[in-house]
């Protein structure tokens, strides 16, 4: 049996595992409290959302205004989700 630290939280099946970082609702939470990892993850997710619409961006069927609206709703929203919790440095 593993030794449990005095500040460990116990459940009926044993202690909760302590980790350095985890993802919660798409945001990276780490023990360092920094937001660099979360911002990098968000940038990656926004890139994926942007690239998923490659055909739309080069399409002649949709006008610039429509493309901007789609960008704001699908790419910018992914990028800025939970950004209010980022620290300003």
C-alpha atoms as a PDB file:
ATOM      1  CA  UNK A   1       0.000   0.000   0.000  1.00  0.00           C
ATOM      2  CA  UNK A   2       1.203   3.513  -0.873  1.00  0.00           C
ATOM      3  CA  UNK A   3       1.824   6.095   1.828  1.00  0.00           C
ATOM      4  CA  UNK A   4      -0.673   8.939   1.699  1.00  0.00           C
ATOM      5  CA  UNK A   5       0.375  12.500   2.464  1.00  0.00           C
ATOM      6  CA  UNK A   6      -1.560  14.194   5.299  1.00  0.00           C
ATOM      7  CA  UNK A   7      -3.104  16.778   2.937  1.00  0.00           C
ATOM      8  CA  UNK A   8      -4.368  14.168   0.428  1.00  0.00           C
ATOM      9  CA  UNK A   9      -8.077  14.087  -0.267  1.00  0.00           C
ATOM     10  CA  UNK A  10      -9.538  10.629   0.257  1.00  0.00           C
ATOM     11  CA  UNK A  11     -12.427   8.974  -1.546  1.00  0.00           C
ATOM     12  CA  UNK A  12     -14.042   5.655  -0.755  1.00  0.00           C
ATOM     13  CA  UNK A  13     -11.681   3.924  -3.190  1.00  0.00           C
ATOM     14  CA  UNK A  14      -8.505   5.686  -2.047  1.00  0.00           C
ATOM     15  CA  UNK A  15      -6.680   8.997  -2.461  1.00  0.00           C
ATOM     16  CA  UNK A  16      -7.140  11.323  -5.423  1.00  0.00           C
ATOM     17  CA  UNK A  17      -4.088  11.288  -7.658  1.00  0.00           C
ATOM     18  CA  UNK A  18      -2.100  14.529  -7.701  1.00  0.00           C
ATOM     19  CA  UNK A  19      -1.031  15.609 -11.206  1.00  0.00           C
ATOM     20  CA  UNK A  20       1.049  18.458 -12.618  1.00  0.00           C
ATOM     21  CA  UNK A  21      -1.574  19.481 -15.200  1.00  0.00           C
ATOM     22  CA  UNK A  22      -4.939  18.435 -16.571  1.00  0.00           C
ATOM     23  CA  UNK A  23      -7.524  19.630 -19.068  1.00  0.00           C
ATOM     24  CA  UNK A  24     -10.874  20.849 -17.756  1.00  0.00           C
ATOM     25  CA  UNK A  25     -13.579  22.079 -20.171  1.00  0.00           C
ATOM     26  CA  UNK A  26     -10.920  22.466 -22.856  1.00  0.00           C
ATOM     27  CA  UNK A  27      -8.604  24.616 -20.713  1.00  0.00           C
ATOM     28  CA  UNK A  28      -5.233  23.416 -19.436  1.00  0.00           C
ATOM     29  CA  UNK A  29      -4.869  23.796 -15.665  1.00  0.00           C
ATOM     30  CA  UNK A  30      -1.389  23.388 -14.175  1.00  0.00           C
ATOM     31  CA  UNK A  31       0.202  23.523 -10.741  1.00  0.00           C
ATOM     32  CA  UNK A  32       2.409  26.425 -11.825  1.00  0.00           C
ATOM     33  CA  UNK A  33      -0.669  28.587 -12.286  1.00  0.00           C
ATOM     34  CA  UNK A  34       0.614  29.931 -15.589  1.00  0.00           C
ATOM     35  CA  UNK A  35      -1.474  30.270 -18.691  1.00  0.00           C
ATOM     36  CA  UNK A  36       1.215  29.638 -21.315  1.00  0.00           C
ATOM     37  CA  UNK A  37       0.198  25.999 -21.814  1.00  0.00           C
ATOM     38  CA  UNK A  38      -3.474  26.922 -22.007  1.00  0.00           C
ATOM     39  CA  UNK A  39      -2.805  29.643 -24.581  1.00  0.00           C
ATOM     40  CA  UNK A  40      -0.713  27.267 -26.707  1.00  0.00           C
ATOM     41  CA  UNK A  41      -3.501  24.674 -26.570  1.00  0.00           C
ATOM     42  CA  UNK A  42      -6.090  27.293 -27.556  1.00  0.00           C
ATOM     43  CA  UNK A  43      -3.942  28.489 -30.470  1.00  0.00           C
ATOM     44  CA  UNK A  44      -3.650  24.899 -31.679  1.00  0.00           C
ATOM     45  CA  UNK A  45      -7.403  24.338 -31.455  1.00  0.00           C
ATOM     46  CA  UNK A  46      -8.072  27.593 -33.326  1.00  0.00           C
ATOM     47  CA  UNK A  47      -5.607  26.544 -36.071  1.00  0.00           C
ATOM     48  CA  UNK A  48      -7.452  23.250 -36.447  1.00  0.00           C
ATOM     49  CA  UNK A  49     -10.808  25.060 -36.660  1.00  0.00           C
ATOM     50  CA  UNK A  50      -9.392  27.472 -39.259  1.00  0.00           C
ATOM     51  CA  UNK A  51      -7.818  24.722 -41.384  1.00  0.00           C
ATOM     52  CA  UNK A  52     -11.009  22.664 -41.283  1.00  0.00           C
ATOM     53  CA  UNK A  53     -12.611  25.389 -43.398  1.00  0.00           C
ATOM     54  CA  UNK A  54      -9.917  25.672 -46.086  1.00  0.00           C
ATOM     55  CA  UNK A  55     -12.443  25.189 -48.891  1.00  0.00           C
ATOM     56  CA  UNK A  56     -14.643  27.937 -47.492  1.00  0.00           C
ATOM     57  CA  UNK A  57     -11.801  30.482 -47.352  1.00  0.00           C
ATOM     58  CA  UNK A  58     -10.912  29.945 -51.022  1.00  0.00           C
ATOM     59  CA  UNK A  59     -14.520  29.698 -52.201  1.00  0.00           C
ATOM     60  CA  UNK A  60     -15.876  32.327 -54.575  1.00  0.00           C
ATOM     61  CA  UNK A  61     -19.461  31.514 -53.555  1.00  0.00           C
ATOM     62  CA  UNK A  62     -19.262  33.303 -50.186  1.00  0.00           C
ATOM     63  CA  UNK A  63     -18.449  36.973 -49.814  1.00  0.00           C
ATOM     64  CA  UNK A  64     -15.892  38.504 -47.468  1.00  0.00           C
ATOM     65  CA  UNK A  65     -18.550  39.602 -44.952  1.00  0.00           C
ATOM     66  CA  UNK A  66     -19.877  36.048 -44.658  1.00  0.00           C
ATOM     67  CA  UNK A  67     -16.364  34.657 -44.249  1.00  0.00           C
ATOM     68  CA  UNK A  68     -15.636  37.174 -41.477  1.00  0.00           C
ATOM     69  CA  UNK A  69     -18.834  36.195 -39.656  1.00  0.00           C
ATOM     70  CA  UNK A  70     -17.918  32.511 -39.909  1.00  0.00           C
ATOM     71  CA  UNK A  71     -14.368  33.266 -38.722  1.00  0.00           C
ATOM     72  CA  UNK A  72     -15.671  35.195 -35.716  1.00  0.00           C
ATOM     73  CA  UNK A  73     -18.176  32.526 -34.735  1.00  0.00           C
ATOM     74  CA  UNK A  74     -16.087  29.407 -35.382  1.00  0.00           C
ATOM     75  CA  UNK A  75     -12.411  30.319 -35.078  1.00  0.00           C
ATOM     76  CA  UNK A  76     -12.281  33.329 -32.789  1.00  0.00           C
ATOM     77  CA  UNK A  77     -14.761  31.734 -30.384  1.00  0.00           C
ATOM     78  CA  UNK A  78     -12.534  28.641 -30.070  1.00  0.00           C
ATOM     79  CA  UNK A  79      -9.449  30.801 -29.543  1.00  0.00           C
ATOM     80  CA  UNK A  80     -10.932  33.093 -26.900  1.00  0.00           C
ATOM     81  CA  UNK A  81     -12.955  30.537 -24.906  1.00  0.00           C
ATOM     82  CA  UNK A  82     -12.126  31.032 -21.189  1.00  0.00           C
ATOM     83  CA  UNK A  83      -9.578  33.736 -22.021  1.00  0.00           C
ATOM     84  CA  UNK A  84     -10.952  35.870 -19.193  1.00  0.00           C
ATOM     85  CA  UNK A  85      -9.068  33.608 -16.791  1.00  0.00           C
ATOM     86  CA  UNK A  86      -5.680  34.134 -18.471  1.00  0.00           C
ATOM     87  CA  UNK A  87      -3.171  36.213 -16.559  1.00  0.00           C
ATOM     88  CA  UNK A  88      -1.901  39.388 -18.171  1.00  0.00           C
ATOM     89  CA  UNK A  89       1.901  39.455 -18.392  1.00  0.00           C
END
